[in-house]
Amino acid sequence: MLESESQPPSEITVLLTNEEEIRELNRKFLGKNRPTDVLSFPSGGFPRENYLGDISICVPIAAMQAKTKKHSLEYELAFLAVHGGLHLLGYEDETENGYRKMMRKTMKVMRMIGLKNA
């Protein structure tokens, strides 16, 4: 993902968690009292310039999405990690245009790393 954006090597923390914990993070930081599949928290260069931020992924929700979409949990977790990483780089998916752009970029990265939707 970083390579696709011509970004230098950087650090990202990834938390694999459950629905209770991601609900609490979503409530505490975004004011939404519900679980979600992935949350991203950009560091803004703190504490180090090469530290991009944190990504929290809810494994039970990822597992449900993988089953619904008929692909592997590995694929879904990678997809959510790439999606969360793109948020750390400033991509947004709140608008229709932003969502389309982000999905194209996510799928491009998934192909780059050799993961196909299966």
PDB file of N, CA and C in Angstrom:
ATOM      1  N   MET A   1       0.830  -1.177   0.000  1.00  0.00           N
ATOM      2  CA  MET A   1       0.000   0.000   0.000  1.00  0.00           C
ATOM      3  C   MET A   1       0.876   1.242   0.000  1.00  0.00           C
ATOM      4  N   LEU A   2       1.897   1.251   0.845  1.00  0.00           N
ATOM      5  CA  LEU A   2       2.779   2.411   0.903  1.00  0.00           C
ATOM      6  C   LEU A   2       3.508   2.602  -0.422  1.00  0.00           C
ATOM      7  N   GLU A   3       3.977   1.502  -0.997  1.00  0.00           N
ATOM      8  CA  GLU A   3       4.671   1.551  -2.278  1.00  0.00           C
ATOM      9  C   GLU A   3       3.776   2.129  -3.371  1.00  0.00           C
ATOM     10  N   SER A   4       2.511   1.749  -3.363  1.00  0.00           N
ATOM     11  CA  SER A   4       1.585   2.226  -4.395  1.00  0.00           C
ATOM     12  C   SER A   4       1.357   3.729  -4.311  1.00  0.00           C
ATOM     13  N   GLU A   5       1.652   4.300  -3.168  1.00  0.00           N
ATOM     14  CA  GLU A   5       1.469   5.745  -2.954  1.00  0.00           C
ATOM     15  C   GLU A   5       2.800   6.487  -2.904  1.00  0.00           C
ATOM     16  N   SER A   6       3.886   5.790  -3.295  1.00  0.00           N
ATOM     17  CA  SER A   6       5.246   6.360  -3.260  1.00  0.00           C
ATOM     18  C   SER A   6       5.601   6.889  -1.880  1.00  0.00           C
ATOM     19  N   GLN A   7       5.165   6.163  -0.857  1.00  0.00           N
ATOM     20  CA  GLN A   7       5.451   6.529   0.530  1.00  0.00           C
ATOM     21  C   GLN A   7       6.723   5.824   0.999  1.00  0.00           C
ATOM     22  N   PRO A   8       7.511   6.476   1.843  1.00  0.00           N
ATOM     23  CA  PRO A   8       8.691   5.809   2.392  1.00  0.00           C
ATOM     24  C   PRO A   8       8.262   4.717   3.377  1.00  0.00           C
ATOM     25  N   PRO A   9       9.166   3.806   3.700  1.00  0.00           N
ATOM     26  CA  PRO A   9       8.838   2.809   4.726  1.00  0.00           C
ATOM     27  C   PRO A   9       8.332   3.509   5.984  1.00  0.00           C
ATOM     28  N   SER A  10       7.250   2.992   6.524  1.00  0.00           N
ATOM     29  CA  SER A  10       6.608   3.622   7.679  1.00  0.00           C
ATOM     30  C   SER A  10       6.091   2.558   8.620  1.00  0.00           C
ATOM     31  N   GLU A  11       5.755   2.978   9.826  1.00  0.00           N
ATOM     32  CA  GLU A  11       5.206   2.079  10.828  1.00  0.00           C
ATOM     33  C   GLU A  11       3.707   2.305  10.973  1.00  0.00           C
ATOM     34  N   ILE A  12       2.983   1.201  11.149  1.00  0.00           N
ATOM     35  CA  ILE A  12       1.548   1.229  11.408  1.00  0.00           C
ATOM     36  C   ILE A  12       1.283   0.183  12.475  1.00  0.00           C
ATOM     37  N   THR A  13       0.493   0.516  13.470  1.00  0.00           N
ATOM     38  CA  THR A  13       0.065  -0.457  14.470  1.00  0.00           C
ATOM     39  C   THR A  13      -1.278  -1.023  14.039  1.00  0.00           C
ATOM     40  N   VAL A  14      -1.397  -2.355  14.058  1.00  0.00           N
ATOM     41  CA  VAL A  14      -2.664  -3.003  13.707  1.00  0.00           C
ATOM     42  C   VAL A  14      -3.152  -3.779  14.930  1.00  0.00           C
ATOM     43  N   LEU A  15      -4.374  -3.477  15.342  1.00  0.00           N
ATOM     44  CA  LEU A  15      -5.031  -4.157  16.447  1.00  0.00           C
ATOM     45  C   LEU A  15      -6.124  -5.042  15.884  1.00  0.00           C
ATOM     46  N   LEU A  16      -6.042  -6.340  16.138  1.00  0.00           N
ATOM     47  CA  LEU A  16      -7.114  -7.267  15.789  1.00  0.00           C
ATOM     48  C   LEU A  16      -7.942  -7.439  17.041  1.00  0.00           C
ATOM     49  N   THR A  17      -9.209  -7.106  16.970  1.00  0.00           N
ATOM     50  CA  THR A  17     -10.015  -7.024  18.181  1.00  0.00           C
ATOM     51  C   THR A  17     -11.398  -7.639  17.988  1.00  0.00           C
ATOM     52  N   ASN A  18     -12.220  -7.479  19.042  1.00  0.00           N
ATOM     53  CA  ASN A  18     -13.585  -8.019  19.014  1.00  0.00           C
ATOM     54  C   ASN A  18     -14.600  -6.873  18.896  1.00  0.00           C
ATOM     55  N   GLU A  19     -15.877  -7.243  18.822  1.00  0.00           N
ATOM     56  CA  GLU A  19     -16.930  -6.241  18.626  1.00  0.00           C
ATOM     57  C   GLU A  19     -17.053  -5.276  19.811  1.00  0.00           C
ATOM     58  N   GLU A  20     -16.893  -5.772  21.023  1.00  0.00           N
ATOM     59  CA  GLU A  20     -17.011  -4.891  22.200  1.00  0.00           C
ATOM     60  C   GLU A  20     -15.949  -3.802  22.181  1.00  0.00           C
ATOM     61  N   GLU A  21     -14.715  -4.195  21.921  1.00  0.00           N
ATOM     62  CA  GLU A  21     -13.627  -3.219  21.954  1.00  0.00           C
ATOM     63  C   GLU A  21     -13.724  -2.215  20.804  1.00  0.00           C
ATOM     64  N   ILE A  22     -14.072  -2.684  19.613  1.00  0.00           N
ATOM     65  CA  ILE A  22     -14.160  -1.737  18.491  1.00  0.00           C
ATOM     66  C   ILE A  22     -15.363  -0.809  18.661  1.00  0.00           C
ATOM     67  N   ARG A  23     -16.436  -1.305  19.289  1.00  0.00           N
ATOM     68  CA  ARG A  23     -17.574  -0.433  19.594  1.00  0.00           C
ATOM     69  C   ARG A  23     -17.127   0.685  20.533  1.00  0.00           C
ATOM     70  N   GLU A  24     -16.352   0.339  21.546  1.00  0.00           N
ATOM     71  CA  GLU A  24     -15.875   1.333  22.509  1.00  0.00           C
ATOM     72  C   GLU A  24     -14.960   2.354  21.828  1.00  0.00           C
ATOM     73  N   LEU A  25     -14.068   1.900  20.965  1.00  0.00           N
ATOM     74  CA  LEU A  25     -13.199   2.826  20.224  1.00  0.00           C
ATOM     75  C   LEU A  25     -14.026   3.746  19.326  1.00  0.00           C
ATOM     76  N   ASN A  26     -15.002   3.176  18.650  1.00  0.00           N
ATOM     77  CA  ASN A  26     -15.868   3.952  17.767  1.00  0.00           C
ATOM     78  C   ASN A  26     -16.668   4.991  18.561  1.00  0.00           C
ATOM     79  N   ARG A  27     -17.159   4.594  19.726  1.00  0.00           N
ATOM     80  CA  ARG A  27     -17.917   5.515  20.586  1.00  0.00           C
ATOM     81  C   ARG A  27     -17.015   6.611  21.130  1.00  0.00           C
ATOM     82  N   LYS A  28     -15.873   6.203  21.682  1.00  0.00           N
ATOM     83  CA  LYS A  28     -14.976   7.148  22.340  1.00  0.00           C
ATOM     84  C   LYS A  28     -14.379   8.179  21.379  1.00  0.00           C
ATOM     85  N   PHE A  29     -13.961   7.729  20.199  1.00  0.00           N
ATOM     86  CA  PHE A  29     -13.243   8.627  19.297  1.00  0.00           C
ATOM     87  C   PHE A  29     -14.089   9.209  18.166  1.00  0.00           C
ATOM     88  N   LEU A  30     -15.172   8.521  17.789  1.00  0.00           N
ATOM     89  CA  LEU A  30     -15.984   9.023  16.676  1.00  0.00           C
ATOM     90  C   LEU A  30     -17.433   9.311  17.064  1.00  0.00           C
ATOM     91  N   GLY A  31     -17.788   9.028  18.327  1.00  0.00           N
ATOM     92  CA  GLY A  31     -19.135   9.311  18.792  1.00  0.00           C
ATOM     93  C   GLY A  31     -20.207   8.392  18.235  1.00  0.00           C
ATOM     94  N   LYS A  32     -19.798   7.228  17.728  1.00  0.00           N
ATOM     95  CA  LYS A  32     -20.748   6.264  17.158  1.00  0.00           C
ATOM     96  C   LYS A  32     -20.769   5.019  18.036  1.00  0.00           C
ATOM     97  N   ASN A  33     -21.883   4.785  18.695  1.00  0.00           N
ATOM     98  CA  ASN A  33     -21.982   3.679  19.647  1.00  0.00           C
ATOM     99  C   ASN A  33     -22.419   2.388  18.945  1.00  0.00           C
ATOM    100  N   ARG A  34     -21.560   1.914  18.039  1.00  0.00           N
ATOM    101  CA  ARG A  34     -21.832   0.665  17.335  1.00  0.00           C
ATOM    102  C   ARG A  34     -20.503   0.064  16.885  1.00  0.00           C
ATOM    103  N   PRO A  35     -20.492  -1.244  16.731  1.00  0.00           N
ATOM    104  CA  PRO A  35     -19.264  -1.860  16.207  1.00  0.00           C
ATOM    105  C   PRO A  35     -19.134  -1.576  14.719  1.00  0.00           C
ATOM    106  N   THR A  36     -17.930  -1.683  14.208  1.00  0.00           N
ATOM    107  CA  THR A  36     -17.647  -1.486  12.794  1.00  0.00           C
ATOM    108  C   THR A  36     -16.529  -2.434  12.393  1.00  0.00           C
ATOM    109  N   ASP A  37     -16.261  -2.537  11.108  1.00  0.00           N
ATOM    110  CA  ASP A  37     -15.239  -3.488  10.676  1.00  0.00           C
ATOM    111  C   ASP A  37     -13.816  -2.977  10.867  1.00  0.00           C
ATOM    112  N   VAL A  38     -13.583  -1.694  10.584  1.00  0.00           N
ATOM    113  CA  VAL A  38     -12.225  -1.153  10.687  1.00  0.00           C
ATOM    114  C   VAL A  38     -12.276   0.318  11.074  1.00  0.00           C
ATOM    115  N   LEU A  39     -11.325   0.722  11.888  1.00  0.00           N
ATOM    116  CA  LEU A  39     -11.138   2.121  12.271  1.00  0.00           C
ATOM    117  C   LEU A  39      -9.680   2.485  12.054  1.00  0.00           C
ATOM    118  N   SER A  40      -9.437   3.707  11.623  1.00  0.00           N
ATOM    119  CA  SER A  40      -8.079   4.198  11.420  1.00  0.00           C
ATOM    120  C   SER A  40      -7.882   5.472  12.218  1.00  0.00           C
ATOM    121  N   PHE A  41      -6.712   5.570  12.839  1.00  0.00           N
ATOM    122  CA  PHE A  41      -6.372   6.736  13.644  1.00  0.00           C
ATOM    123  C   PHE A  41      -5.015   7.259  13.208  1.00  0.00           C
ATOM    124  N   PRO A  42      -4.988   8.286  12.330  1.00  0.00           N
ATOM    125  CA  PRO A  42      -3.713   8.845  11.872  1.00  0.00           C
ATOM    126  C   PRO A  42      -2.920   9.457  13.023  1.00  0.00           C
ATOM    127  N   SER A  43      -1.610   9.308  12.973  1.00  0.00           N
ATOM    128  CA  SER A  43      -0.757   9.821  14.053  1.00  0.00           C
ATOM    129  C   SER A  43      -0.409  11.287  13.879  1.00  0.00           C
ATOM    130  N   GLY A  44      -0.484  11.788  12.654  1.00  0.00           N
ATOM    131  CA  GLY A  44      -0.079  13.175  12.419  1.00  0.00           C
ATOM    132  C   GLY A  44       1.411  13.387  12.660  1.00  0.00           C
ATOM    133  N   GLY A  45       2.206  12.322  12.511  1.00  0.00           N
ATOM    134  CA  GLY A  45       3.650  12.433  12.723  1.00  0.00           C
ATOM    135  C   GLY A  45       4.086  12.280  14.162  1.00  0.00           C
ATOM    136  N   PHE A  46       3.155  11.990  15.059  1.00  0.00           N
ATOM    137  CA  PHE A  46       3.494  11.821  16.480  1.00  0.00           C
ATOM    138  C   PHE A  46       3.412  10.343  16.814  1.00  0.00           C
ATOM    139  N   PRO A  47       4.311   9.737  17.504  1.00  0.00           N
ATOM    140  CA  PRO A  47       5.498  10.305  18.133  1.00  0.00           C
ATOM    141  C   PRO A  47       6.715  10.365  17.224  1.00  0.00           C
ATOM    142  N   ARG A  48       6.634   9.706  16.021  1.00  0.00           N
ATOM    143  CA  ARG A  48       7.761   9.726  15.082  1.00  0.00           C
ATOM    144  C   ARG A  48       7.229  10.068  13.698  1.00  0.00           C
ATOM    145  N   GLU A  49       8.073  10.689  12.916  1.00  0.00           N
ATOM    146  CA  GLU A  49       7.669  11.098  11.574  1.00  0.00           C
ATOM    147  C   GLU A  49       7.257   9.914  10.700  1.00  0.00           C
ATOM    148  N   ASN A  50       7.902   8.764  10.883  1.00  0.00           N
ATOM    149  CA  ASN A  50       7.594   7.608  10.039  1.00  0.00           C
ATOM    150  C   ASN A  50       6.486   6.727  10.617  1.00  0.00           C
ATOM    151  N   TYR A  51       5.815   7.198  11.662  1.00  0.00           N
ATOM    152  CA  TYR A  51       4.708   6.447  12.256  1.00  0.00           C
ATOM    153  C   TYR A  51       3.405   7.001  11.713  1.00  0.00           C
ATOM    154  N   LEU A  52       2.681   6.189  10.900  1.00  0.00           N
ATOM    155  CA  LEU A  52       1.463   6.689  10.249  1.00  0.00           C
ATOM    156  C   LEU A  52       0.243   6.659  11.146  1.00  0.00           C
ATOM    157  N   GLY A  53       0.166   5.676  12.064  1.00  0.00           N
ATOM    158  CA  GLY A  53      -0.987   5.625  12.952  1.00  0.00           C
ATOM    159  C   GLY A  53      -1.423   4.207  13.254  1.00  0.00           C
ATOM    160  N   ASP A  54      -2.667   4.094  13.698  1.00  0.00           N
ATOM    161  CA  ASP A  54      -3.219   2.828  14.175  1.00  0.00           C
ATOM    162  C   ASP A  54      -4.411   2.408  13.317  1.00  0.00           C
ATOM    163  N   ILE A  55      -4.507   1.095  13.110  1.00  0.00           N
ATOM    164  CA  ILE A  55      -5.665   0.511  12.442  1.00  0.00           C
ATOM    165  C   ILE A  55      -6.226  -0.548  13.384  1.00  0.00           C
ATOM    166  N   SER A  56      -7.520  -0.479  13.664  1.00  0.00           N
ATOM    167  CA  SER A  56      -8.197  -1.487  14.480  1.00  0.00           C
ATOM    168  C   SER A  56      -9.170  -2.242  13.587  1.00  0.00           C
ATOM    169  N   ILE A  57      -9.051  -3.574  13.587  1.00  0.00           N
ATOM    170  CA  ILE A  57      -9.901  -4.424  12.755  1.00  0.00           C
ATOM    171  C   ILE A  57     -10.672  -5.380  13.656  1.00  0.00           C
ATOM    172  N   CYS A  58     -11.980  -5.425  13.469  1.00  0.00           N
ATOM    173  CA  CYS A  58     -12.832  -6.331  14.239  1.00  0.00           C
ATOM    174  C   CYS A  58     -12.875  -7.687  13.528  1.00  0.00           C
ATOM    175  N   VAL A  59     -12.238  -8.687  14.116  1.00  0.00           N
ATOM    176  CA  VAL A  59     -12.142 -10.003  13.483  1.00  0.00           C
ATOM    177  C   VAL A  59     -13.512 -10.676  13.313  1.00  0.00           C
ATOM    178  N   PRO A  60     -14.411 -10.651  14.334  1.00  0.00           N
ATOM    179  CA  PRO A  60     -15.720 -11.277  14.109  1.00  0.00           C
ATOM    180  C   PRO A  60     -16.516 -10.643  12.960  1.00  0.00           C
ATOM    181  N   ILE A  61     -16.456  -9.337  12.825  1.00  0.00           N
ATOM    182  CA  ILE A  61     -17.151  -8.679  11.718  1.00  0.00           C
ATOM    183  C   ILE A  61     -16.465  -9.023  10.403  1.00  0.00           C
ATOM    184  N   ALA A  62     -15.143  -9.053  10.395  1.00  0.00           N
ATOM    185  CA  ALA A  62     -14.409  -9.438   9.186  1.00  0.00           C
ATOM    186  C   ALA A  62     -14.785 -10.855   8.764  1.00  0.00           C
ATOM    187  N   ALA A  63     -14.927 -11.755   9.730  1.00  0.00           N
ATOM    188  CA  ALA A  63     -15.297 -13.141   9.426  1.00  0.00           C
ATOM    189  C   ALA A  63     -16.700 -13.207   8.819  1.00  0.00           C
ATOM    190  N   MET A  64     -17.638 -12.435   9.372  1.00  0.00           N
ATOM    191  CA  MET A  64     -18.997 -12.407   8.810  1.00  0.00           C
ATOM    192  C   MET A  64     -18.990 -11.849   7.389  1.00  0.00           C
ATOM    193  N   GLN A  65     -18.219 -10.776   7.171  1.00  0.00           N
ATOM    194  CA  GLN A  65     -18.142 -10.167   5.834  1.00  0.00           C
ATOM    195  C   GLN A  65     -17.501 -11.132   4.839  1.00  0.00           C
ATOM    196  N   ALA A  66     -16.479 -11.849   5.263  1.00  0.00           N
ATOM    197  CA  ALA A  66     -15.824 -12.818   4.379  1.00  0.00           C
ATOM    198  C   ALA A  66     -16.816 -13.900   3.959  1.00  0.00           C
ATOM    199  N   LYS A  67     -17.596 -14.376   4.918  1.00  0.00           N
ATOM    200  CA  LYS A  67     -18.586 -15.415   4.617  1.00  0.00           C
ATOM    201  C   LYS A  67     -19.648 -14.884   3.653  1.00  0.00           C
ATOM    202  N   THR A  68     -20.143 -13.683   3.917  1.00  0.00           N
ATOM    203  CA  THR A  68     -21.166 -13.068   3.066  1.00  0.00           C
ATOM    204  C   THR A  68     -20.643 -12.841   1.650  1.00  0.00           C
ATOM    205  N   LYS A  69     -19.398 -12.385   1.546  1.00  0.00           N
ATOM    206  CA  LYS A  69     -18.807 -12.080   0.236  1.00  0.00           C
ATOM    207  C   LYS A  69     -18.190 -13.316  -0.429  1.00  0.00           C
ATOM    208  N   LYS A  70     -18.227 -14.437   0.296  1.00  0.00           N
ATOM    209  CA  LYS A  70     -17.716 -15.713  -0.219  1.00  0.00           C
ATOM    210  C   LYS A  70     -16.233 -15.666  -0.587  1.00  0.00           C
ATOM    211  N   HIS A  71     -15.446 -15.074   0.307  1.00  0.00           N
ATOM    212  CA  HIS A  71     -14.001 -15.165   0.166  1.00  0.00           C
ATOM    213  C   HIS A  71     -13.397 -15.481   1.532  1.00  0.00           C
ATOM    214  N   SER A  72     -12.099 -15.657   1.576  1.00  0.00           N
ATOM    215  CA  SER A  72     -11.433 -16.101   2.804  1.00  0.00           C
ATOM    216  C   SER A  72     -11.329 -14.984   3.835  1.00  0.00           C
ATOM    217  N   LEU A  73     -11.184 -15.395   5.084  1.00  0.00           N
ATOM    218  CA  LEU A  73     -10.942 -14.426   6.158  1.00  0.00           C
ATOM    219  C   LEU A  73      -9.616 -13.714   5.912  1.00  0.00           C
ATOM    220  N   GLU A  74      -8.604 -14.441   5.419  1.00  0.00           N
ATOM    221  CA  GLU A  74      -7.314 -13.829   5.110  1.00  0.00           C
ATOM    222  C   GLU A  74      -7.499 -12.663   4.137  1.00  0.00           C
ATOM    223  N   TYR A  75      -8.276 -12.889   3.091  1.00  0.00           N
ATOM    224  CA  TYR A  75      -8.521 -11.845   2.100  1.00  0.00           C
ATOM    225  C   TYR A  75      -9.218 -10.646   2.747  1.00  0.00           C
ATOM    226  N   GLU A  76     -10.246 -10.897   3.540  1.00  0.00           N
ATOM    227  CA  GLU A  76     -11.002  -9.806   4.171  1.00  0.00           C
ATOM    228  C   GLU A  76     -10.133  -9.010   5.132  1.00  0.00           C
ATOM    229  N   LEU A  77      -9.304  -9.691   5.921  1.00  0.00           N
ATOM    230  CA  LEU A  77      -8.417  -8.979   6.848  1.00  0.00           C
ATOM    231  C   LEU A  77      -7.406  -8.124   6.087  1.00  0.00           C
ATOM    232  N   ALA A  78      -6.853  -8.662   4.998  1.00  0.00           N
ATOM    233  CA  ALA A  78      -5.920  -7.878   4.182  1.00  0.00           C
ATOM    234  C   ALA A  78      -6.631  -6.677   3.561  1.00  0.00           C
ATOM    235  N   PHE A  79      -7.837  -6.905   3.049  1.00  0.00           N
ATOM    236  CA  PHE A  79      -8.629  -5.826   2.462  1.00  0.00           C
ATOM    237  C   PHE A  79      -8.856  -4.709   3.484  1.00  0.00           C
ATOM    238  N   LEU A  80      -9.254  -5.073   4.695  1.00  0.00           N
ATOM    239  CA  LEU A  80      -9.519  -4.070   5.732  1.00  0.00           C
ATOM    240  C   LEU A  80      -8.234  -3.361   6.162  1.00  0.00           C
ATOM    241  N   ALA A  81      -7.120  -4.084   6.196  1.00  0.00           N
ATOM    242  CA  ALA A  81      -5.840  -3.456   6.549  1.00  0.00           C
ATOM    243  C   ALA A  81      -5.431  -2.436   5.480  1.00  0.00           C
ATOM    244  N   VAL A  82      -5.578  -2.806   4.220  1.00  0.00           N
ATOM    245  CA  VAL A  82      -5.256  -1.873   3.127  1.00  0.00           C
ATOM    246  C   VAL A  82      -6.201  -0.673   3.179  1.00  0.00           C
ATOM    247  N   HIS A  83      -7.486  -0.937   3.336  1.00  0.00           N
ATOM    248  CA  HIS A  83      -8.488   0.132   3.418  1.00  0.00           C
ATOM    249  C   HIS A  83      -8.154   1.088   4.572  1.00  0.00           C
ATOM    250  N   GLY A  84      -7.864   0.521   5.738  1.00  0.00           N
ATOM    251  CA  GLY A  84      -7.502   1.346   6.896  1.00  0.00           C
ATOM    252  C   GLY A  84      -6.224   2.129   6.656  1.00  0.00           C
ATOM    253  N   GLY A  85      -5.256   1.495   5.992  1.00  0.00           N
ATOM    254  CA  GLY A  85      -4.005   2.181   5.683  1.00  0.00           C
ATOM    255  C   GLY A  85      -4.205   3.350   4.739  1.00  0.00           C
ATOM    256  N   LEU A  86      -5.091   3.179   3.780  1.00  0.00           N
ATOM    257  CA  LEU A  86      -5.380   4.295   2.873  1.00  0.00           C
ATOM    258  C   LEU A  86      -6.020   5.461   3.617  1.00  0.00           C
ATOM    259  N   HIS A  87      -6.841   5.159   4.618  1.00  0.00           N
ATOM    260  CA  HIS A  87      -7.378   6.237   5.458  1.00  0.00           C
ATOM    261  C   HIS A  87      -6.239   6.974   6.157  1.00  0.00           C
ATOM    262  N   LEU A  88      -5.235   6.235   6.627  1.00  0.00           N
ATOM    263  CA  LEU A  88      -4.088   6.873   7.285  1.00  0.00           C
ATOM    264  C   LEU A  88      -3.352   7.806   6.337  1.00  0.00           C
ATOM    265  N   LEU A  89      -3.411   7.505   5.053  1.00  0.00           N
ATOM    266  CA  LEU A  89      -2.745   8.340   4.045  1.00  0.00           C
ATOM    267  C   LEU A  89      -3.623   9.480   3.544  1.00  0.00           C
ATOM    268  N   GLY A  90      -4.839   9.586   4.114  1.00  0.00           N
ATOM    269  CA  GLY A  90      -5.692  10.722   3.779  1.00  0.00           C
ATOM    270  C   GLY A  90      -6.862  10.426   2.863  1.00  0.00           C
ATOM    271  N   TYR A  91      -7.011   9.191   2.415  1.00  0.00           N
ATOM    272  CA  TYR A  91      -8.160   8.854   1.587  1.00  0.00           C
ATOM    273  C   TYR A  91      -9.428   8.866   2.436  1.00  0.00           C
ATOM    274  N   GLU A  92     -10.548   9.236   1.807  1.00  0.00           N
ATOM    275  CA  GLU A  92     -11.830   9.243   2.505  1.00  0.00           C
ATOM    276  C   GLU A  92     -12.853   8.467   1.691  1.00  0.00           C
ATOM    277  N   ASP A  93     -13.851   7.942   2.381  1.00  0.00           N
ATOM    278  CA  ASP A  93     -14.910   7.204   1.698  1.00  0.00           C
ATOM    279  C   ASP A  93     -16.298   7.674   2.127  1.00  0.00           C
ATOM    280  N   GLU A  94     -16.373   8.898   2.586  1.00  0.00           N
ATOM    281  CA  GLU A  94     -17.649   9.461   3.046  1.00  0.00           C
ATOM    282  C   GLU A  94     -18.479  10.021   1.890  1.00  0.00           C
ATOM    283  N   THR A  95     -17.820  10.360   0.792  1.00  0.00           N
ATOM    284  CA  THR A  95     -18.541  10.839  -0.379  1.00  0.00           C
ATOM    285  C   THR A  95     -18.551   9.731  -1.432  1.00  0.00           C
ATOM    286  N   GLU A  96     -19.483   9.812  -2.377  1.00  0.00           N
ATOM    287  CA  GLU A  96     -19.561   8.791  -3.428  1.00  0.00           C
ATOM    288  C   GLU A  96     -18.274   8.752  -4.241  1.00  0.00           C
ATOM    289  N   ASN A  97     -17.755   9.919  -4.610  1.00  0.00           N
ATOM    290  CA  ASN A  97     -16.521  10.002  -5.382  1.00  0.00           C
ATOM    291  C   ASN A  97     -15.338   9.462  -4.574  1.00  0.00           C
ATOM    292  N   GLY A  98     -15.265   9.853  -3.304  1.00  0.00           N
ATOM    293  CA  GLY A  98     -14.194   9.372  -2.434  1.00  0.00           C
ATOM    294  C   GLY A  98     -14.247   7.871  -2.254  1.00  0.00           C
ATOM    295  N   TYR A  99     -15.457   7.332  -2.099  1.00  0.00           N
ATOM    296  CA  TYR A  99     -15.641   5.889  -1.935  1.00  0.00           C
ATOM    297  C   TYR A  99     -15.158   5.143  -3.180  1.00  0.00           C
ATOM    298  N   ARG A 100     -15.567   5.609  -4.363  1.00  0.00           N
ATOM    299  CA  ARG A 100     -15.153   4.945  -5.605  1.00  0.00           C
ATOM    300  C   ARG A 100     -13.634   4.978  -5.772  1.00  0.00           C
ATOM    301  N   LYS A 101     -13.053   6.134  -5.505  1.00  0.00           N
ATOM    302  CA  LYS A 101     -11.602   6.283  -5.631  1.00  0.00           C
ATOM    303  C   LYS A 101     -10.884   5.353  -4.646  1.00  0.00           C
ATOM    304  N   MET A 102     -11.383   5.300  -3.435  1.00  0.00           N
ATOM    305  CA  MET A 102     -10.748   4.465  -2.415  1.00  0.00           C
ATOM    306  C   MET A 102     -10.889   2.975  -2.744  1.00  0.00           C
ATOM    307  N   MET A 103     -12.044   2.565  -3.244  1.00  0.00           N
ATOM    308  CA  MET A 103     -12.236   1.166  -3.607  1.00  0.00           C
ATOM    309  C   MET A 103     -11.333   0.769  -4.768  1.00  0.00           C
ATOM    310  N   ARG A 104     -11.196   1.642  -5.774  1.00  0.00           N
ATOM    311  CA  ARG A 104     -10.284   1.347  -6.893  1.00  0.00           C
ATOM    312  C   ARG A 104      -8.858   1.175  -6.386  1.00  0.00           C
ATOM    313  N   LYS A 105      -8.442   2.070  -5.506  1.00  0.00           N
ATOM    314  CA  LYS A 105      -7.085   2.025  -4.967  1.00  0.00           C
ATOM    315  C   LYS A 105      -6.896   0.766  -4.118  1.00  0.00           C
ATOM    316  N   THR A 106      -7.882   0.439  -3.295  1.00  0.00           N
ATOM    317  CA  THR A 106      -7.799  -0.756  -2.448  1.00  0.00           C
ATOM    318  C   THR A 106      -7.645  -2.001  -3.316  1.00  0.00           C
ATOM    319  N   MET A 107      -8.453  -2.117  -4.360  1.00  0.00           N
ATOM    320  CA  MET A 107      -8.391  -3.294  -5.224  1.00  0.00           C
ATOM    321  C   MET A 107      -7.068  -3.352  -5.986  1.00  0.00           C
ATOM    322  N   LYS A 108      -6.549  -2.214  -6.386  1.00  0.00           N
ATOM    323  CA  LYS A 108      -5.244  -2.167  -7.057  1.00  0.00           C
ATOM    324  C   LYS A 108      -4.158  -2.708  -6.129  1.00  0.00           C
ATOM    325  N   VAL A 109      -4.173  -2.271  -4.883  1.00  0.00           N
ATOM    326  CA  VAL A 109      -3.173  -2.738  -3.913  1.00  0.00           C
ATOM    327  C   VAL A 109      -3.338  -4.228  -3.660  1.00  0.00           C
ATOM    328  N   MET A 110      -4.579  -4.694  -3.539  1.00  0.00           N
ATOM    329  CA  MET A 110      -4.813  -6.124  -3.303  1.00  0.00           C
ATOM    330  C   MET A 110      -4.224  -6.958  -4.444  1.00  0.00           C
ATOM    331  N   ARG A 111      -4.385  -6.488  -5.680  1.00  0.00           N
ATOM    332  CA  ARG A 111      -3.782  -7.203  -6.815  1.00  0.00           C
ATOM    333  C   ARG A 111      -2.268  -7.127  -6.763  1.00  0.00           C
ATOM    334  N   MET A 112      -1.727  -5.960  -6.367  1.00  0.00           N
ATOM    335  CA  MET A 112      -0.271  -5.790  -6.271  1.00  0.00           C
ATOM    336  C   MET A 112       0.339  -6.784  -5.290  1.00  0.00           C
ATOM    337  N   ILE A 113      -0.361  -7.056  -4.203  1.00  0.00           N
ATOM    338  CA  ILE A 113       0.195  -7.971  -3.192  1.00  0.00           C
ATOM    339  C   ILE A 113      -0.191  -9.422  -3.464  1.00  0.00           C
ATOM    340  N   GLY A 114      -0.853  -9.653  -4.597  1.00  0.00           N
ATOM    341  CA  GLY A 114      -1.143 -11.013  -5.019  1.00  0.00           C
ATOM    342  C   GLY A 114      -2.371 -11.636  -4.418  1.00  0.00           C
ATOM    343  N   LEU A 115      -3.280 -10.815  -3.892  1.00  0.00           N
ATOM    344  CA  LEU A 115      -4.514 -11.363  -3.334  1.00  0.00           C
ATOM    345  C   LEU A 115      -5.684 -11.065  -4.255  1.00  0.00           C
ATOM    346  N   LYS A 116      -6.320 -12.127  -4.676  1.00  0.00           N
ATOM    347  CA  LYS A 116      -7.501 -11.994  -5.532  1.00  0.00           C
ATOM    348  C   LYS A 116      -8.723 -12.338  -4.729  1.00  0.00           C
ATOM    349  N   ASN A 117      -9.836 -11.779  -5.096  1.00  0.00           N
ATOM    350  CA  ASN A 117     -11.088 -11.990  -4.397  1.00  0.00           C
ATOM    351  C   ASN A 117     -11.549 -13.441  -4.576  1.00  0.00           C
ATOM    352  N   ALA A 118     -11.106 -14.269  -3.642  1.00  0.00           N
ATOM    353  CA  ALA A 118     -11.475 -15.693  -3.701  1.00  0.00           C
ATOM    354  C   ALA A 118     -11.451 -16.292  -2.322  1.00  0.00           C
TER     355      ALA A 118
END
